[in-house]
Amino acid sequence: MSLPPSSFSAAERSLLRHEFFVRFGQAPCLADGIWLRTWRGGPQAGQPKIPPAVATLLDRGLIELGPDALGFRARFTPAGIAALRLLAQDRRALDPKQYAHIREELGLEPAA
């Protein structure tokens, strides 16, 4: 079965792997999104710091920014979830063992 190519760039795939990797035994949840730092001073004080990979996802409508208790989070839109589902089907892009929690949340694997 041949899958269409991923709509994520190499930098975006790297960001996703980093953000959703299990840390200290805690599996991050897609629904929580990606936590963004906040500018503390200067003309952008109080606004989110947007890394280049997040900016490209935002420009393409795959994520949206919203407030969080500790600043801002980038959360996936329905189009972003669909693109992630396609990405997760490629075993080379997201290792099925390391990212089983993401595959489960996307409905690609049965609940553990």
PDB file of N, CA and C in Angstrom:
ATOM      1  N   MET A   1       0.841  -1.174   0.000  1.00  0.00           N
ATOM      2  CA  MET A   1       0.000   0.000   0.000  1.00  0.00           C
ATOM      3  C   MET A   1       0.890   1.242   0.000  1.00  0.00           C
ATOM      4  N   SER A   2       0.683   2.106  -0.931  1.00  0.00           N
ATOM      5  CA  SER A   2       1.476   3.322  -1.041  1.00  0.00           C
ATOM      6  C   SER A   2       0.710   4.501  -0.447  1.00  0.00           C
ATOM      7  N   LEU A   3       1.374   5.202   0.443  1.00  0.00           N
ATOM      8  CA  LEU A   3       0.758   6.365   1.078  1.00  0.00           C
ATOM      9  C   LEU A   3       1.173   7.630   0.356  1.00  0.00           C
ATOM     10  N   PRO A   4       0.291   8.638   0.306  1.00  0.00           N
ATOM     11  CA  PRO A   4       0.701   9.909  -0.283  1.00  0.00           C
ATOM     12  C   PRO A   4       1.805  10.539   0.572  1.00  0.00           C
ATOM     13  N   PRO A   5       2.625  11.402  -0.012  1.00  0.00           N
ATOM     14  CA  PRO A   5       3.706  12.016   0.755  1.00  0.00           C
ATOM     15  C   PRO A   5       3.157  12.887   1.889  1.00  0.00           C
ATOM     16  N   SER A   6       3.943  12.986   2.941  1.00  0.00           N
ATOM     17  CA  SER A   6       3.554  13.782   4.105  1.00  0.00           C
ATOM     18  C   SER A   6       3.517  15.264   3.754  1.00  0.00           C
ATOM     19  N   SER A   7       2.611  15.980   4.397  1.00  0.00           N
ATOM     20  CA  SER A   7       2.529  17.421   4.165  1.00  0.00           C
ATOM     21  C   SER A   7       3.411  18.194   5.146  1.00  0.00           C
ATOM     22  N   PHE A   8       4.195  17.489   5.965  1.00  0.00           N
ATOM     23  CA  PHE A   8       5.068  18.141   6.943  1.00  0.00           C
ATOM     24  C   PHE A   8       6.494  18.219   6.417  1.00  0.00           C
ATOM     25  N   SER A   9       7.144  19.358   6.647  1.00  0.00           N
ATOM     26  CA  SER A   9       8.551  19.511   6.263  1.00  0.00           C
ATOM     27  C   SER A   9       9.434  18.765   7.263  1.00  0.00           C
ATOM     28  N   ALA A  10      10.703  18.643   6.968  1.00  0.00           N
ATOM     29  CA  ALA A  10      11.637  17.965   7.868  1.00  0.00           C
ATOM     30  C   ALA A  10      11.696  18.675   9.225  1.00  0.00           C
ATOM     31  N   ALA A  11      11.701  20.010   9.220  1.00  0.00           N
ATOM     32  CA  ALA A  11      11.748  20.765  10.481  1.00  0.00           C
ATOM     33  C   ALA A  11      10.471  20.542  11.296  1.00  0.00           C
ATOM     34  N   GLU A  12       9.338  20.475  10.614  1.00  0.00           N
ATOM     35  CA  GLU A  12       8.069  20.247  11.307  1.00  0.00           C
ATOM     36  C   GLU A  12       8.009  18.834  11.891  1.00  0.00           C
ATOM     37  N   ARG A  13       8.484  17.845  11.139  1.00  0.00           N
ATOM     38  CA  ARG A  13       8.511  16.468  11.654  1.00  0.00           C
ATOM     39  C   ARG A  13       9.422  16.373  12.867  1.00  0.00           C
ATOM     40  N   SER A  14      10.556  17.048  12.818  1.00  0.00           N
ATOM     41  CA  SER A  14      11.479  17.050  13.953  1.00  0.00           C
ATOM     42  C   SER A  14      10.820  17.684  15.182  1.00  0.00           C
ATOM     43  N   LEU A  15      10.129  18.782  14.985  1.00  0.00           N
ATOM     44  CA  LEU A  15       9.416  19.442  16.095  1.00  0.00           C
ATOM     45  C   LEU A  15       8.370  18.500  16.693  1.00  0.00           C
ATOM     46  N   LEU A  16       7.599  17.840  15.855  1.00  0.00           N
ATOM     47  CA  LEU A  16       6.558  16.929  16.334  1.00  0.00           C
ATOM     48  C   LEU A  16       7.156  15.761  17.106  1.00  0.00           C
ATOM     49  N   ARG A  17       8.252  15.185  16.580  1.00  0.00           N
ATOM     50  CA  ARG A  17       8.891  14.083  17.296  1.00  0.00           C
ATOM     51  C   ARG A  17       9.400  14.534  18.656  1.00  0.00           C
ATOM     52  N   HIS A  18       9.985  15.712  18.704  1.00  0.00           N
ATOM     53  CA  HIS A  18      10.524  16.245  19.961  1.00  0.00           C
ATOM     54  C   HIS A  18       9.403  16.549  20.962  1.00  0.00           C
ATOM     55  N   GLU A  19       8.368  17.198  20.521  1.00  0.00           N
ATOM     56  CA  GLU A  19       7.294  17.623  21.422  1.00  0.00           C
ATOM     57  C   GLU A  19       6.457  16.461  21.954  1.00  0.00           C
ATOM     58  N   PHE A  20       6.303  15.406  21.176  1.00  0.00           N
ATOM     59  CA  PHE A  20       5.415  14.321  21.584  1.00  0.00           C
ATOM     60  C   PHE A  20       6.149  13.045  21.994  1.00  0.00           C
ATOM     61  N   PHE A  21       7.454  13.161  22.242  1.00  0.00           N
ATOM     62  CA  PHE A  21       8.240  12.040  22.745  1.00  0.00           C
ATOM     63  C   PHE A  21       7.945  11.861  24.229  1.00  0.00           C
ATOM     64  N   VAL A  22       7.902  10.622  24.695  1.00  0.00           N
ATOM     65  CA  VAL A  22       7.636  10.337  26.110  1.00  0.00           C
ATOM     66  C   VAL A  22       8.821  10.817  26.941  1.00  0.00           C
ATOM     67  N   ARG A  23       8.517  11.631  27.956  1.00  0.00           N
ATOM     68  CA  ARG A  23       9.563  12.149  28.861  1.00  0.00           C
ATOM     69  C   ARG A  23       9.233  11.757  30.290  1.00  0.00           C
ATOM     70  N   PHE A  24      10.221  11.231  31.001  1.00  0.00           N
ATOM     71  CA  PHE A  24      10.063  10.874  32.410  1.00  0.00           C
ATOM     72  C   PHE A  24       8.842   9.984  32.632  1.00  0.00           C
ATOM     73  N   GLY A  25       8.564   9.105  31.674  1.00  0.00           N
ATOM     74  CA  GLY A  25       7.447   8.185  31.788  1.00  0.00           C
ATOM     75  C   GLY A  25       6.093   8.800  31.510  1.00  0.00           C
ATOM     76  N   GLN A  26       6.046  10.077  31.150  1.00  0.00           N
ATOM     77  CA  GLN A  26       4.793  10.783  30.875  1.00  0.00           C
ATOM     78  C   GLN A  26       4.627  10.969  29.368  1.00  0.00           C
ATOM     79  N   ALA A  27       3.551  10.382  28.819  1.00  0.00           N
ATOM     80  CA  ALA A  27       3.280  10.503  27.393  1.00  0.00           C
ATOM     81  C   ALA A  27       2.479  11.773  27.125  1.00  0.00           C
ATOM     82  N   PRO A  28       3.015  12.700  26.335  1.00  0.00           N
ATOM     83  CA  PRO A  28       2.264  13.922  26.024  1.00  0.00           C
ATOM     84  C   PRO A  28       1.033  13.619  25.176  1.00  0.00           C
ATOM     85  N   CYS A  29       0.038  14.439  25.317  1.00  0.00           N
ATOM     86  CA  CYS A  29      -1.241  14.243  24.648  1.00  0.00           C
ATOM     87  C   CYS A  29      -1.396  15.256  23.512  1.00  0.00           C
ATOM     88  N   LEU A  30      -1.867  14.792  22.360  1.00  0.00           N
ATOM     89  CA  LEU A  30      -2.099  15.701  21.234  1.00  0.00           C
ATOM     90  C   LEU A  30      -3.080  16.806  21.598  1.00  0.00           C
ATOM     91  N   ALA A  31      -4.074  16.460  22.383  1.00  0.00           N
ATOM     92  CA  ALA A  31      -5.101  17.435  22.760  1.00  0.00           C
ATOM     93  C   ALA A  31      -4.511  18.606  23.553  1.00  0.00           C
ATOM     94  N   ASP A  32      -3.399  18.372  24.248  1.00  0.00           N
ATOM     95  CA  ASP A  32      -2.752  19.454  25.005  1.00  0.00           C
ATOM     96  C   ASP A  32      -2.010  20.413  24.093  1.00  0.00           C
ATOM     97  N   GLY A  33      -1.649  19.964  22.915  1.00  0.00           N
ATOM     98  CA  GLY A  33      -0.948  20.817  21.970  1.00  0.00           C
ATOM     99  C   GLY A  33       0.513  21.008  22.331  1.00  0.00           C
ATOM    100  N   ILE A  34       1.094  22.044  21.757  1.00  0.00           N
ATOM    101  CA  ILE A  34       2.505  22.365  21.941  1.00  0.00           C
ATOM    102  C   ILE A  34       2.613  23.640  22.759  1.00  0.00           C
ATOM    103  N   TRP A  35       3.277  23.547  23.908  1.00  0.00           N
ATOM    104  CA  TRP A  35       3.439  24.710  24.775  1.00  0.00           C
ATOM    105  C   TRP A  35       4.434  25.675  24.151  1.00  0.00           C
ATOM    106  N   LEU A  36       4.102  26.952  24.150  1.00  0.00           N
ATOM    107  CA  LEU A  36       4.975  27.987  23.592  1.00  0.00           C
ATOM    108  C   LEU A  36       5.463  28.916  24.690  1.00  0.00           C
ATOM    109  N   ARG A  37       6.701  29.298  24.609  1.00  0.00           N
ATOM    110  CA  ARG A  37       7.251  30.286  25.549  1.00  0.00           C
ATOM    111  C   ARG A  37       6.620  31.646  25.267  1.00  0.00           C
ATOM    112  N   THR A  38       6.755  32.553  26.215  1.00  0.00           N
ATOM    113  CA  THR A  38       6.171  33.883  26.084  1.00  0.00           C
ATOM    114  C   THR A  38       7.266  34.930  26.217  1.00  0.00           C
ATOM    115  N   TRP A  39       7.180  35.970  25.386  1.00  0.00           N
ATOM    116  CA  TRP A  39       8.114  37.084  25.490  1.00  0.00           C
ATOM    117  C   TRP A  39       7.880  37.777  26.826  1.00  0.00           C
ATOM    118  N   ARG A  40       8.956  38.044  27.573  1.00  0.00           N
ATOM    119  CA  ARG A  40       8.854  38.668  28.889  1.00  0.00           C
ATOM    120  C   ARG A  40       9.072  40.177  28.852  1.00  0.00           C
ATOM    121  N   GLY A  41       9.745  40.659  27.829  1.00  0.00           N
ATOM    122  CA  GLY A  41      10.031  42.084  27.749  1.00  0.00           C
ATOM    123  C   GLY A  41      10.053  42.555  26.318  1.00  0.00           C
ATOM    124  N   GLY A  42      10.233  43.857  26.140  1.00  0.00           N
ATOM    125  CA  GLY A  42      10.314  44.421  24.805  1.00  0.00           C
ATOM    126  C   GLY A  42       8.949  44.658  24.193  1.00  0.00           C
ATOM    127  N   PRO A  43       8.936  44.989  22.920  1.00  0.00           N
ATOM    128  CA  PRO A  43       7.668  45.330  22.264  1.00  0.00           C
ATOM    129  C   PRO A  43       6.709  44.144  22.120  1.00  0.00           C
ATOM    130  N   GLN A  44       7.227  42.914  22.222  1.00  0.00           N
ATOM    131  CA  GLN A  44       6.370  41.727  22.095  1.00  0.00           C
ATOM    132  C   GLN A  44       6.014  41.099  23.440  1.00  0.00           C
ATOM    133  N   ALA A  45       6.224  41.816  24.529  1.00  0.00           N
ATOM    134  CA  ALA A  45       5.961  41.285  25.864  1.00  0.00           C
ATOM    135  C   ALA A  45       4.541  40.737  25.962  1.00  0.00           C
ATOM    136  N   GLY A  46       4.451  39.523  26.519  1.00  0.00           N
ATOM    137  CA  GLY A  46       3.160  38.882  26.698  1.00  0.00           C
ATOM    138  C   GLY A  46       2.675  38.092  25.496  1.00  0.00           C
ATOM    139  N   GLN A  47       3.378  38.168  24.383  1.00  0.00           N
ATOM    140  CA  GLN A  47       2.984  37.429  23.182  1.00  0.00           C
ATOM    141  C   GLN A  47       3.783  36.129  23.101  1.00  0.00           C
ATOM    142  N   PRO A  48       3.251  35.128  22.396  1.00  0.00           N
ATOM    143  CA  PRO A  48       3.982  33.862  22.304  1.00  0.00           C
ATOM    144  C   PRO A  48       5.212  33.968  21.404  1.00  0.00           C
ATOM    145  N   LYS A  49       6.264  33.242  21.795  1.00  0.00           N
ATOM    146  CA  LYS A  49       7.436  33.096  20.937  1.00  0.00           C
ATOM    147  C   LYS A  49       7.115  31.960  19.978  1.00  0.00           C
ATOM    148  N   ILE A  50       7.131  32.238  18.698  1.00  0.00           N
ATOM    149  CA  ILE A  50       6.722  31.244  17.708  1.00  0.00           C
ATOM    150  C   ILE A  50       7.940  30.747  16.943  1.00  0.00           C
ATOM    151  N   PRO A  51       8.351  29.491  17.189  1.00  0.00           N
ATOM    152  CA  PRO A  51       9.482  28.924  16.448  1.00  0.00           C
ATOM    153  C   PRO A  51       9.150  28.814  14.960  1.00  0.00           C
ATOM    154  N   PRO A  52      10.152  28.804  14.090  1.00  0.00           N
ATOM    155  CA  PRO A  52       9.902  28.745  12.647  1.00  0.00           C
ATOM    156  C   PRO A  52       9.013  27.571  12.211  1.00  0.00           C
ATOM    157  N   ALA A  53       9.220  26.381  12.787  1.00  0.00           N
ATOM    158  CA  ALA A  53       8.400  25.223  12.395  1.00  0.00           C
ATOM    159  C   ALA A  53       6.939  25.424  12.797  1.00  0.00           C
ATOM    160  N   VAL A  54       6.704  26.043  13.934  1.00  0.00           N
ATOM    161  CA  VAL A  54       5.331  26.329  14.370  1.00  0.00           C
ATOM    162  C   VAL A  54       4.717  27.389  13.457  1.00  0.00           C
ATOM    163  N   ALA A  55       5.508  28.362  13.054  1.00  0.00           N
ATOM    164  CA  ALA A  55       5.007  29.425  12.165  1.00  0.00           C
ATOM    165  C   ALA A  55       4.529  28.852  10.835  1.00  0.00           C
ATOM    166  N   THR A  56       5.254  27.878  10.273  1.00  0.00           N
ATOM    167  CA  THR A  56       4.828  27.304   8.999  1.00  0.00           C
ATOM    168  C   THR A  56       3.558  26.477   9.166  1.00  0.00           C
ATOM    169  N   LEU A  57       3.441  25.770  10.284  1.00  0.00           N
ATOM    170  CA  LEU A  57       2.205  25.022  10.560  1.00  0.00           C
ATOM    171  C   LEU A  57       1.027  25.977  10.722  1.00  0.00           C
ATOM    172  N   LEU A  58       1.267  27.078  11.379  1.00  0.00           N
ATOM    173  CA  LEU A  58       0.238  28.096  11.597  1.00  0.00           C
ATOM    174  C   LEU A  58      -0.189  28.730  10.270  1.00  0.00           C
ATOM    175  N   ASP A  59       0.773  29.049   9.423  1.00  0.00           N
ATOM    176  CA  ASP A  59       0.484  29.647   8.115  1.00  0.00           C
ATOM    177  C   ASP A  59      -0.373  28.732   7.246  1.00  0.00           C
ATOM    178  N   ARG A  60      -0.162  27.415   7.380  1.00  0.00           N
ATOM    179  CA  ARG A  60      -0.916  26.459   6.562  1.00  0.00           C
ATOM    180  C   ARG A  60      -2.226  26.033   7.208  1.00  0.00           C
ATOM    181  N   GLY A  61      -2.543  26.572   8.386  1.00  0.00           N
ATOM    182  CA  GLY A  61      -3.813  26.264   9.037  1.00  0.00           C
ATOM    183  C   GLY A  61      -3.862  24.906   9.699  1.00  0.00           C
ATOM    184  N   LEU A  62      -2.708  24.321  10.006  1.00  0.00           N
ATOM    185  CA  LEU A  62      -2.676  23.011  10.658  1.00  0.00           C
ATOM    186  C   LEU A  62      -2.736  23.121  12.172  1.00  0.00           C
ATOM    187  N   ILE A  63      -2.382  24.289  12.699  1.00  0.00           N
ATOM    188  CA  ILE A  63      -2.505  24.545  14.132  1.00  0.00           C
ATOM    189  C   ILE A  63      -3.113  25.930  14.332  1.00  0.00           C
ATOM    190  N   GLU A  64      -3.578  26.163  15.561  1.00  0.00           N
ATOM    191  CA  GLU A  64      -4.057  27.485  15.941  1.00  0.00           C
ATOM    192  C   GLU A  64      -3.524  27.783  17.339  1.00  0.00           C
ATOM    193  N   LEU A  65      -3.285  29.050  17.603  1.00  0.00           N
ATOM    194  CA  LEU A  65      -2.752  29.458  18.902  1.00  0.00           C
ATOM    195  C   LEU A  65      -3.895  29.810  19.831  1.00  0.00           C
ATOM    196  N   GLY A  66      -3.704  29.493  21.101  1.00  0.00           N
ATOM    197  CA  GLY A  66      -4.701  29.836  22.095  1.00  0.00           C
ATOM    198  C   GLY A  66      -4.053  30.004  23.452  1.00  0.00           C
ATOM    199  N   PRO A  67      -4.721  30.716  24.346  1.00  0.00           N
ATOM    200  CA  PRO A  67      -4.164  30.916  25.683  1.00  0.00           C
ATOM    201  C   PRO A  67      -4.190  29.628  26.493  1.00  0.00           C
ATOM    202  N   ASP A  68      -3.310  29.571  27.465  1.00  0.00           N
ATOM    203  CA  ASP A  68      -3.212  28.434  28.371  1.00  0.00           C
ATOM    204  C   ASP A  68      -2.957  29.006  29.763  1.00  0.00           C
ATOM    205  N   ALA A  69      -3.080  28.200  30.780  1.00  0.00           N
ATOM    206  CA  ALA A  69      -2.854  28.666  32.149  1.00  0.00           C
ATOM    207  C   ALA A  69      -1.445  29.247  32.324  1.00  0.00           C
ATOM    208  N   LEU A  70      -0.477  28.716  31.588  1.00  0.00           N
ATOM    209  CA  LEU A  70       0.913  29.174  31.716  1.00  0.00           C
ATOM    210  C   LEU A  70       1.428  29.837  30.450  1.00  0.00           C
ATOM    211  N   GLY A  71       0.599  30.497  29.715  1.00  0.00           N
ATOM    212  CA  GLY A  71       1.057  31.164  28.495  1.00  0.00           C
ATOM    213  C   GLY A  71       0.180  30.839  27.306  1.00  0.00           C
ATOM    214  N   PHE A  72       0.802  30.219  26.301  1.00  0.00           N
ATOM    215  CA  PHE A  72       0.092  29.899  25.061  1.00  0.00           C
ATOM    216  C   PHE A  72       0.386  28.473  24.638  1.00  0.00           C
ATOM    217  N   ARG A  73      -0.541  27.907  23.881  1.00  0.00           N
ATOM    218  CA  ARG A  73      -0.364  26.579  23.298  1.00  0.00           C
ATOM    219  C   ARG A  73      -0.785  26.623  21.847  1.00  0.00           C
ATOM    220  N   ALA A  74      -0.111  25.827  21.038  1.00  0.00           N
ATOM    221  CA  ALA A  74      -0.477  25.629  19.640  1.00  0.00           C
ATOM    222  C   ALA A  74      -1.210  24.300  19.582  1.00  0.00           C
ATOM    223  N   ARG A  75      -2.483  24.344  19.204  1.00  0.00           N
ATOM    224  CA  ARG A  75      -3.301  23.131  19.136  1.00  0.00           C
ATOM    225  C   ARG A  75      -3.654  22.824  17.689  1.00  0.00           C
ATOM    226  N   PHE A  76      -3.772  21.539  17.387  1.00  0.00           N
ATOM    227  CA  PHE A  76      -4.049  21.103  16.020  1.00  0.00           C
ATOM    228  C   PHE A  76      -5.495  21.363  15.626  1.00  0.00           C
ATOM    229  N   THR A  77      -5.673  21.838  14.401  1.00  0.00           N
ATOM    230  CA  THR A  77      -6.998  22.028  13.815  1.00  0.00           C
ATOM    231  C   THR A  77      -7.435  20.670  13.243  1.00  0.00           C
ATOM    232  N   PRO A  78      -8.685  20.536  12.817  1.00  0.00           N
ATOM    233  CA  PRO A  78      -9.093  19.273  12.175  1.00  0.00           C
ATOM    234  C   PRO A  78      -8.210  18.918  10.969  1.00  0.00           C
ATOM    235  N   ALA A  79      -7.812  19.918  10.192  1.00  0.00           N
ATOM    236  CA  ALA A  79      -6.910  19.661   9.062  1.00  0.00           C
ATOM    237  C   ALA A  79      -5.548  19.172   9.563  1.00  0.00           C
ATOM    238  N   GLY A  80      -5.076  19.714  10.681  1.00  0.00           N
ATOM    239  CA  GLY A  80      -3.813  19.295  11.269  1.00  0.00           C
ATOM    240  C   GLY A  80      -3.874  17.864  11.785  1.00  0.00           C
ATOM    241  N   ILE A  81      -4.996  17.498  12.399  1.00  0.00           N
ATOM    242  CA  ILE A  81      -5.177  16.123  12.883  1.00  0.00           C
ATOM    243  C   ILE A  81      -5.179  15.151  11.706  1.00  0.00           C
ATOM    244  N   ALA A  82      -5.848  15.529  10.624  1.00  0.00           N
ATOM    245  CA  ALA A  82      -5.872  14.667   9.426  1.00  0.00           C
ATOM    246  C   ALA A  82      -4.468  14.494   8.865  1.00  0.00           C
ATOM    247  N   ALA A  83      -3.681  15.569   8.818  1.00  0.00           N
ATOM    248  CA  ALA A  83      -2.303  15.493   8.324  1.00  0.00           C
ATOM    249  C   ALA A  83      -1.438  14.644   9.263  1.00  0.00           C
ATOM    250  N   LEU A  84      -1.652  14.777  10.576  1.00  0.00           N
ATOM    251  CA  LEU A  84      -0.917  13.962  11.551  1.00  0.00           C
ATOM    252  C   LEU A  84      -1.260  12.488  11.404  1.00  0.00           C
ATOM    253  N   ARG A  85      -2.517  12.196  11.162  1.00  0.00           N
ATOM    254  CA  ARG A  85      -2.947  10.809  10.979  1.00  0.00           C
ATOM    255  C   ARG A  85      -2.210  10.198   9.777  1.00  0.00           C
ATOM    256  N   LEU A  86      -2.092  10.962   8.721  1.00  0.00           N
ATOM    257  CA  LEU A  86      -1.365  10.500   7.536  1.00  0.00           C
ATOM    258  C   LEU A  86       0.118  10.306   7.854  1.00  0.00           C
ATOM    259  N   LEU A  87       0.703  11.240   8.585  1.00  0.00           N
ATOM    260  CA  LEU A  87       2.109  11.145   8.972  1.00  0.00           C
ATOM    261  C   LEU A  87       2.353   9.916   9.846  1.00  0.00           C
ATOM    262  N   ALA A  88       1.467   9.659  10.795  1.00  0.00           N
ATOM    263  CA  ALA A  88       1.650   8.547  11.736  1.00  0.00           C
ATOM    264  C   ALA A  88       1.541   7.192  11.053  1.00  0.00           C
ATOM    265  N   GLN A  89       0.944   7.139   9.883  1.00  0.00           N
ATOM    266  CA  GLN A  89       0.849   5.877   9.153  1.00  0.00           C
ATOM    267  C   GLN A  89       2.179   5.489   8.510  1.00  0.00           C
ATOM    268  N   ASP A  90       3.084   6.458   8.396  1.00  0.00           N
ATOM    269  CA  ASP A  90       4.419   6.184   7.868  1.00  0.00           C
ATOM    270  C   ASP A  90       5.323   5.804   9.039  1.00  0.00           C
ATOM    271  N   ARG A  91       5.721   4.554   9.104  1.00  0.00           N
ATOM    272  CA  ARG A  91       6.523   4.051  10.229  1.00  0.00           C
ATOM    273  C   ARG A  91       7.876   4.753  10.339  1.00  0.00           C
ATOM    274  N   ARG A  92       8.382   5.277   9.229  1.00  0.00           N
ATOM    275  CA  ARG A  92       9.674   5.971   9.260  1.00  0.00           C
ATOM    276  C   ARG A  92       9.543   7.362   9.877  1.00  0.00           C
ATOM    277  N   ALA A  93       8.374   7.961   9.771  1.00  0.00           N
ATOM    278  CA  ALA A  93       8.180   9.320  10.276  1.00  0.00           C
ATOM    279  C   ALA A  93       7.951   9.328  11.789  1.00  0.00           C
ATOM    280  N   LEU A  94       7.087   8.435  12.264  1.00  0.00           N
ATOM    281  CA  LEU A  94       6.819   8.307  13.701  1.00  0.00           C
ATOM    282  C   LEU A  94       6.902   6.832  14.066  1.00  0.00           C
ATOM    283  N   ASP A  95       7.948   6.464  14.773  1.00  0.00           N
ATOM    284  CA  ASP A  95       8.156   5.071  15.154  1.00  0.00           C
ATOM    285  C   ASP A  95       6.940   4.552  15.927  1.00  0.00           C
ATOM    286  N   PRO A  96       6.333   3.447  15.475  1.00  0.00           N
ATOM    287  CA  PRO A  96       5.122   2.934  16.120  1.00  0.00           C
ATOM    288  C   PRO A  96       5.306   2.560  17.584  1.00  0.00           C
ATOM    289  N   LYS A  97       6.511   2.188  17.994  1.00  0.00           N
ATOM    290  CA  LYS A  97       6.737   1.830  19.405  1.00  0.00           C
ATOM    291  C   LYS A  97       6.905   3.084  20.259  1.00  0.00           C
ATOM    292  N   GLN A  98       7.726   4.024  19.805  1.00  0.00           N
ATOM    293  CA  GLN A  98       7.987   5.233  20.585  1.00  0.00           C
ATOM    294  C   GLN A  98       6.779   6.173  20.629  1.00  0.00           C
ATOM    295  N   TYR A  99       5.967   6.147  19.583  1.00  0.00           N
ATOM    296  CA  TYR A  99       4.839   7.075  19.496  1.00  0.00           C
ATOM    297  C   TYR A  99       3.502   6.333  19.471  1.00  0.00           C
ATOM    298  N   ALA A 100       3.448   5.194  20.158  1.00  0.00           N
ATOM    299  CA  ALA A 100       2.210   4.409  20.218  1.00  0.00           C
ATOM    300  C   ALA A 100       1.084   5.230  20.835  1.00  0.00           C
ATOM    301  N   HIS A 101       1.403   6.085  21.806  1.00  0.00           N
ATOM    302  CA  HIS A 101       0.381   6.918  22.449  1.00  0.00           C
ATOM    303  C   HIS A 101      -0.252   7.893  21.449  1.00  0.00           C
ATOM    304  N   ILE A 102       0.530   8.390  20.516  1.00  0.00           N
ATOM    305  CA  ILE A 102       0.013   9.299  19.490  1.00  0.00           C
ATOM    306  C   ILE A 102      -0.841   8.522  18.493  1.00  0.00           C
ATOM    307  N   ARG A 103      -0.344   7.359  18.083  1.00  0.00           N
ATOM    308  CA  ARG A 103      -1.112   6.527  17.159  1.00  0.00           C
ATOM    309  C   ARG A 103      -2.447   6.114  17.772  1.00  0.00           C
ATOM    310  N   GLU A 104      -2.446   5.831  19.062  1.00  0.00           N
ATOM    311  CA  GLU A 104      -3.677   5.475  19.768  1.00  0.00           C
ATOM    312  C   GLU A 104      -4.641   6.659  19.807  1.00  0.00           C
ATOM    313  N   GLU A 105      -4.129   7.831  20.109  1.00  0.00           N
ATOM    314  CA  GLU A 105      -4.972   9.030  20.176  1.00  0.00           C
ATOM    315  C   GLU A 105      -5.562   9.383  18.809  1.00  0.00           C
ATOM    316  N   LEU A 106      -4.843   9.066  17.746  1.00  0.00           N
ATOM    317  CA  LEU A 106      -5.323   9.321  16.395  1.00  0.00           C
ATOM    318  C   LEU A 106      -6.267   8.232  15.885  1.00  0.00           C
ATOM    319  N   GLY A 107      -6.440   7.165  16.677  1.00  0.00           N
ATOM    320  CA  GLY A 107      -7.332   6.084  16.299  1.00  0.00           C
ATOM    321  C   GLY A 107      -6.705   5.070  15.362  1.00  0.00           C
ATOM    322  N   LEU A 108      -5.374   5.040  15.284  1.00  0.00           N
ATOM    323  CA  LEU A 108      -4.688   4.106  14.408  1.00  0.00           C
ATOM    324  C   LEU A 108      -4.354   2.802  15.109  1.00  0.00           C
ATOM    325  N   GLU A 109      -4.413   2.790  16.445  1.00  0.00           N
ATOM    326  CA  GLU A 109      -4.131   1.586  17.224  1.00  0.00           C
ATOM    327  C   GLU A 109      -5.199   1.454  18.298  1.00  0.00           C
ATOM    328  N   PRO A 110      -5.508   0.226  18.693  1.00  0.00           N
ATOM    329  CA  PRO A 110      -6.498   0.057  19.761  1.00  0.00           C
ATOM    330  C   PRO A 110      -5.966   0.581  21.094  1.00  0.00           C
ATOM    331  N   ALA A 111      -6.880   0.990  21.954  1.00  0.00           N
ATOM    332  CA  ALA A 111      -6.499   1.517  23.275  1.00  0.00           C
ATOM    333  C   ALA A 111      -5.801   0.424  24.091  1.00  0.00           C
ATOM    334  N   ALA A 112      -4.767   0.810  24.807  1.00  0.00           N
ATOM    335  CA  ALA A 112      -3.994  -0.146  25.595  1.00  0.00           C
ATOM    336  C   ALA A 112      -4.742  -0.543  26.853  1.00  0.00           C
TER     337      ALA A 112
END
